[in-house]
Amino acid sequence: MTSHTAFIVASYGASILILAGLIGWIFIDQRTQRLALQELETRGVRRRSDTKADDAS
C-alpha cells in the first residue's frame, strides 16, 4: 500500500459517516413533518388547494 492509504481510508470513512448522518436527518425530519401535518389536519386546518377543488364542485 502507498503512503496515502490512511488518508484515503479516512476520507471515505468520513464521507460515509456524513452521508449516513444526512440520510438519517432526512428520515427524522420527514417523520416530524408528517406528524405536524397530521396534527394540523386533526385541528381542521386544510390546504388552500383543497378549497379551490371544493369551490369548483
PDB file of N, CA and C in Angstrom:
ATOM      1  N   MET A   1       0.827  -1.182   0.000  1.00  0.00           N
ATOM      2  CA  MET A   1       0.000   0.000   0.000  1.00  0.00           C
ATOM      3  C   MET A   1       0.876   1.252   0.000  1.00  0.00           C
ATOM      4  N   THR A   2       0.270   2.314  -0.468  1.00  0.00           N
ATOM      5  CA  THR A   2       1.027   3.561  -0.568  1.00  0.00           C
ATOM      6  C   THR A   2       0.995   4.333   0.749  1.00  0.00           C
ATOM      7  N   SER A   3       1.709   5.412   0.781  1.00  0.00           N
ATOM      8  CA  SER A   3       1.760   6.220   1.997  1.00  0.00           C
ATOM      9  C   SER A   3       0.485   7.039   2.207  1.00  0.00           C
ATOM     10  N   HIS A   4      -0.354   7.115   1.202  1.00  0.00           N
ATOM     11  CA  HIS A   4      -1.593   7.898   1.302  1.00  0.00           C
ATOM     12  C   HIS A   4      -2.816   7.047   1.662  1.00  0.00           C
ATOM     13  N   THR A   5      -2.601   5.784   1.924  1.00  0.00           N
ATOM     14  CA  THR A   5      -3.716   4.874   2.194  1.00  0.00           C
ATOM     15  C   THR A   5      -4.537   5.322   3.401  1.00  0.00           C
ATOM     16  N   ALA A   6      -3.889   5.724   4.453  1.00  0.00           N
ATOM     17  CA  ALA A   6      -4.609   6.139   5.665  1.00  0.00           C
ATOM     18  C   ALA A   6      -5.492   7.353   5.367  1.00  0.00           C
ATOM     19  N   PHE A   7      -4.958   8.287   4.610  1.00  0.00           N
ATOM     20  CA  PHE A   7      -5.741   9.470   4.252  1.00  0.00           C
ATOM     21  C   PHE A   7      -6.951   9.099   3.401  1.00  0.00           C
ATOM     22  N   ILE A   8      -6.763   8.210   2.440  1.00  0.00           N
ATOM     23  CA  ILE A   8      -7.855   7.797   1.552  1.00  0.00           C
ATOM     24  C   ILE A   8      -8.932   7.053   2.338  1.00  0.00           C
ATOM     25  N   VAL A   9      -8.522   6.144   3.209  1.00  0.00           N
ATOM     26  CA  VAL A   9      -9.488   5.384   4.014  1.00  0.00           C
ATOM     27  C   VAL A   9     -10.233   6.321   4.959  1.00  0.00           C
ATOM     28  N   ALA A  10      -9.529   7.253   5.570  1.00  0.00           N
ATOM     29  CA  ALA A  10     -10.180   8.213   6.463  1.00  0.00           C
ATOM     30  C   ALA A  10     -11.163   9.098   5.700  1.00  0.00           C
ATOM     31  N   SER A  11     -10.814   9.488   4.481  1.00  0.00           N
ATOM     32  CA  SER A  11     -11.710  10.316   3.665  1.00  0.00           C
ATOM     33  C   SER A  11     -12.981   9.558   3.308  1.00  0.00           C
ATOM     34  N   TYR A  12     -12.825   8.314   2.889  1.00  0.00           N
ATOM     35  CA  TYR A  12     -14.007   7.504   2.580  1.00  0.00           C
ATOM     36  C   TYR A  12     -14.859   7.287   3.831  1.00  0.00           C
ATOM     37  N   GLY A  13     -14.219   7.023   4.955  1.00  0.00           N
ATOM     38  CA  GLY A  13     -14.953   6.821   6.203  1.00  0.00           C
ATOM     39  C   GLY A  13     -15.724   8.061   6.615  1.00  0.00           C
ATOM     40  N   ALA A  14     -15.090   9.218   6.507  1.00  0.00           N
ATOM     41  CA  ALA A  14     -15.771  10.470   6.849  1.00  0.00           C
ATOM     42  C   ALA A  14     -16.943  10.722   5.906  1.00  0.00           C
ATOM     43  N   SER A  15     -16.744  10.441   4.630  1.00  0.00           N
ATOM     44  CA  SER A  15     -17.825  10.640   3.653  1.00  0.00           C
ATOM     45  C   SER A  15     -19.015   9.739   3.956  1.00  0.00           C
ATOM     46  N   ILE A  16     -18.735   8.504   4.289  1.00  0.00           N
ATOM     47  CA  ILE A  16     -19.816   7.562   4.615  1.00  0.00           C
ATOM     48  C   ILE A  16     -20.566   8.009   5.865  1.00  0.00           C
ATOM     49  N   LEU A  17     -19.831   8.444   6.877  1.00  0.00           N
ATOM     50  CA  LEU A  17     -20.485   8.916   8.108  1.00  0.00           C
ATOM     51  C   LEU A  17     -21.338  10.150   7.858  1.00  0.00           C
ATOM     52  N   ILE A  18     -20.831  11.079   7.071  1.00  0.00           N
ATOM     53  CA  ILE A  18     -21.586  12.305   6.779  1.00  0.00           C
ATOM     54  C   ILE A  18     -22.838  11.984   5.971  1.00  0.00           C
ATOM     55  N   LEU A  19     -22.707  11.137   4.953  1.00  0.00           N
ATOM     56  CA  LEU A  19     -23.881  10.768   4.158  1.00  0.00           C
ATOM     57  C   LEU A  19     -24.916  10.017   4.988  1.00  0.00           C
ATOM     58  N   ALA A  20     -24.471   9.118   5.851  1.00  0.00           N
ATOM     59  CA  ALA A  20     -25.398   8.391   6.722  1.00  0.00           C
ATOM     60  C   ALA A  20     -26.108   9.348   7.670  1.00  0.00           C
ATOM     61  N   GLY A  21     -25.381  10.329   8.178  1.00  0.00           N
ATOM     62  CA  GLY A  21     -25.999  11.326   9.055  1.00  0.00           C
ATOM     63  C   GLY A  21     -27.041  12.154   8.326  1.00  0.00           C
ATOM     64  N   LEU A  22     -26.736  12.553   7.104  1.00  0.00           N
ATOM     65  CA  LEU A  22     -27.701  13.338   6.328  1.00  0.00           C
ATOM     66  C   LEU A  22     -28.945  12.526   5.990  1.00  0.00           C
ATOM     67  N   ILE A  23     -28.754  11.272   5.630  1.00  0.00           N
ATOM     68  CA  ILE A  23     -29.905  10.414   5.326  1.00  0.00           C
ATOM     69  C   ILE A  23     -30.761  10.218   6.578  1.00  0.00           C
ATOM     70  N   GLY A  24     -30.113   9.994   7.715  1.00  0.00           N
ATOM     71  CA  GLY A  24     -30.862   9.861   8.967  1.00  0.00           C
ATOM     72  C   GLY A  24     -31.620  11.128   9.303  1.00  0.00           C
ATOM     73  N   TRP A  25     -30.994  12.269   9.107  1.00  0.00           N
ATOM     74  CA  TRP A  25     -31.629  13.559   9.367  1.00  0.00           C
ATOM     75  C   TRP A  25     -32.863  13.744   8.481  1.00  0.00           C
ATOM     76  N   ILE A  26     -32.767  13.332   7.225  1.00  0.00           N
ATOM     77  CA  ILE A  26     -33.901  13.444   6.305  1.00  0.00           C
ATOM     78  C   ILE A  26     -35.067  12.592   6.797  1.00  0.00           C
ATOM     79  N   PHE A  27     -34.789  11.357   7.222  1.00  0.00           N
ATOM     80  CA  PHE A  27     -35.869  10.492   7.705  1.00  0.00           C
ATOM     81  C   PHE A  27     -36.499  11.035   8.990  1.00  0.00           C
ATOM     82  N   ILE A  28     -35.695  11.567   9.881  1.00  0.00           N
ATOM     83  CA  ILE A  28     -36.226  12.145  11.125  1.00  0.00           C
ATOM     84  C   ILE A  28     -37.075  13.369  10.805  1.00  0.00           C
ATOM     85  N   ASP A  29     -36.601  14.232   9.898  1.00  0.00           N
ATOM     86  CA  ASP A  29     -37.357  15.425   9.532  1.00  0.00           C
ATOM     87  C   ASP A  29     -38.652  15.062   8.810  1.00  0.00           C
ATOM     88  N   GLN A  30     -38.603  14.023   7.978  1.00  0.00           N
ATOM     89  CA  GLN A  30     -39.813  13.578   7.287  1.00  0.00           C
ATOM     90  C   GLN A  30     -40.877  13.141   8.302  1.00  0.00           C
ATOM     91  N   ARG A  31     -40.467  12.404   9.298  1.00  0.00           N
ATOM     92  CA  ARG A  31     -41.410  11.951  10.325  1.00  0.00           C
ATOM     93  C   ARG A  31     -41.972  13.143  11.102  1.00  0.00           C
ATOM     94  N   THR A  32     -41.112  14.095  11.428  1.00  0.00           N
ATOM     95  CA  THR A  32     -41.548  15.288  12.156  1.00  0.00           C
ATOM     96  C   THR A  32     -42.565  16.075  11.335  1.00  0.00           C
ATOM     97  N   GLN A  33     -42.310  16.245  10.048  1.00  0.00           N
ATOM     98  CA  GLN A  33     -43.218  16.997   9.195  1.00  0.00           C
ATOM     99  C   GLN A  33     -44.551  16.275   9.018  1.00  0.00           C
ATOM    100  N   ARG A  34     -44.511  14.955   8.896  1.00  0.00           N
ATOM    101  CA  ARG A  34     -45.769  14.192   8.792  1.00  0.00           C
ATOM    102  C   ARG A  34     -46.603  14.332  10.053  1.00  0.00           C
ATOM    103  N   LEU A  35     -45.954  14.269  11.213  1.00  0.00           N
ATOM    104  CA  LEU A  35     -46.688  14.423  12.472  1.00  0.00           C
ATOM    105  C   LEU A  35     -47.276  15.826  12.598  1.00  0.00           C
ATOM    106  N   ALA A  36     -46.533  16.836  12.170  1.00  0.00           N
ATOM    107  CA  ALA A  36     -47.043  18.210  12.225  1.00  0.00           C
ATOM    108  C   ALA A  36     -48.227  18.373  11.284  1.00  0.00           C
ATOM    109  N   LEU A  37     -48.152  17.807  10.101  1.00  0.00           N
ATOM    110  CA  LEU A  37     -49.256  17.881   9.147  1.00  0.00           C
ATOM    111  C   LEU A  37     -50.480  17.142   9.675  1.00  0.00           C
ATOM    112  N   GLN A  38     -50.247  15.990  10.274  1.00  0.00           N
ATOM    113  CA  GLN A  38     -51.360  15.225  10.840  1.00  0.00           C
ATOM    114  C   GLN A  38     -52.035  16.009  11.963  1.00  0.00           C
ATOM    115  N   GLU A  39     -51.249  16.680  12.786  1.00  0.00           N
ATOM    116  CA  GLU A  39     -51.810  17.480  13.875  1.00  0.00           C
ATOM    117  C   GLU A  39     -52.645  18.632  13.320  1.00  0.00           C
ATOM    118  N   LEU A  40     -52.156  19.290  12.277  1.00  0.00           N
ATOM    119  CA  LEU A  40     -52.919  20.383  11.668  1.00  0.00           C
ATOM    120  C   LEU A  40     -54.232  19.869  11.071  1.00  0.00           C
ATOM    121  N   GLU A  41     -54.175  18.718  10.432  1.00  0.00           N
ATOM    122  CA  GLU A  41     -55.390  18.163   9.831  1.00  0.00           C
ATOM    123  C   GLU A  41     -56.410  17.761  10.888  1.00  0.00           C
ATOM    124  N   THR A  42     -55.951  17.272  12.047  1.00  0.00           N
ATOM    125  CA  THR A  42     -56.901  16.916  13.103  1.00  0.00           C
ATOM    126  C   THR A  42     -57.541  18.158  13.714  1.00  0.00           C
ATOM    127  N   ARG A  43     -56.838  19.306  13.661  1.00  0.00           N
ATOM    128  CA  ARG A  43     -57.404  20.555  14.160  1.00  0.00           C
ATOM    129  C   ARG A  43     -58.331  21.215  13.139  1.00  0.00           C
ATOM    130  N   GLY A  44     -58.407  20.647  11.952  1.00  0.00           N
ATOM    131  CA  GLY A  44     -59.309  21.187  10.948  1.00  0.00           C
ATOM    132  C   GLY A  44     -58.661  22.117   9.942  1.00  0.00           C
ATOM    133  N   VAL A  45     -57.373  22.301  10.024  1.00  0.00           N
ATOM    134  CA  VAL A  45     -56.677  23.163   9.077  1.00  0.00           C
ATOM    135  C   VAL A  45     -56.493  22.371   7.790  1.00  0.00           C
ATOM    136  N   ARG A  46     -56.915  22.969   6.688  1.00  0.00           N
ATOM    137  CA  ARG A  46     -56.821  22.292   5.395  1.00  0.00           C
ATOM    138  C   ARG A  46     -55.901  23.063   4.467  1.00  0.00           C
ATOM    139  N   ARG A  47     -55.503  22.422   3.397  1.00  0.00           N
ATOM    140  CA  ARG A  47     -54.656  23.063   2.395  1.00  0.00           C
ATOM    141  C   ARG A  47     -55.480  24.016   1.556  1.00  0.00           C
ATOM    142  N   ARG A  48     -54.857  25.090   1.131  1.00  0.00           N
ATOM    143  CA  ARG A  48     -55.561  26.059   0.288  1.00  0.00           C
ATOM    144  C   ARG A  48     -55.989  25.428  -1.029  1.00  0.00           C
ATOM    145  N   SER A  49     -55.208  24.510  -1.548  1.00  0.00           N
ATOM    146  CA  SER A  49     -55.564  23.873  -2.818  1.00  0.00           C
ATOM    147  C   SER A  49     -56.815  23.007  -2.681  1.00  0.00           C
ATOM    148  N   ASP A  50     -57.096  22.492  -1.483  1.00  0.00           N
ATOM    149  CA  ASP A  50     -58.315  21.703  -1.275  1.00  0.00           C
ATOM    150  C   ASP A  50     -59.560  22.577  -1.375  1.00  0.00           C
ATOM    151  N   THR A  51     -59.504  23.832  -0.953  1.00  0.00           N
ATOM    152  CA  THR A  51     -60.682  24.694  -1.002  1.00  0.00           C
ATOM    153  C   THR A  51     -61.042  25.062  -2.427  1.00  0.00           C
ATOM    154  N   LYS A  52     -60.077  25.197  -3.313  1.00  0.00           N
ATOM    155  CA  LYS A  52     -60.354  25.502  -4.706  1.00  0.00           C
ATOM    156  C   LYS A  52     -61.073  24.342  -5.382  1.00  0.00           C
ATOM    157  N   ALA A  53     -60.694  23.129  -5.051  1.00  0.00           N
ATOM    158  CA  ALA A  53     -61.355  21.959  -5.623  1.00  0.00           C
ATOM    159  C   ALA A  53     -62.790  21.858  -5.107  1.00  0.00           C
ATOM    160  N   ASP A  54     -63.009  22.231  -3.843  1.00  0.00           N
ATOM    161  CA  ASP A  54     -64.357  22.198  -3.279  1.00  0.00           C
ATOM    162  C   ASP A  54     -65.243  23.270  -3.908  1.00  0.00           C
ATOM    163  N   ASP A  55     -64.698  24.453  -4.210  1.00  0.00           N
ATOM    164  CA  ASP A  55     -65.474  25.529  -4.811  1.00  0.00           C
ATOM    165  C   ASP A  55     -65.917  25.192  -6.215  1.00  0.00           C
ATOM    166  N   ALA A  56     -65.121  24.411  -6.937  1.00  0.00           N
ATOM    167  CA  ALA A  56     -65.439  24.077  -8.321  1.00  0.00           C
ATOM    168  C   ALA A  56     -66.597  23.091  -8.410  1.00  0.00           C
ATOM    169  N   SER A  57     -66.845  22.349  -7.342  1.00  0.00           N
ATOM    170  CA  SER A  57     -67.909  21.331  -7.372  1.00  0.00           C
ATOM    171  C   SER A  57     -69.287  21.932  -7.312  1.00  0.00           C
TER     172      SER A  57
END
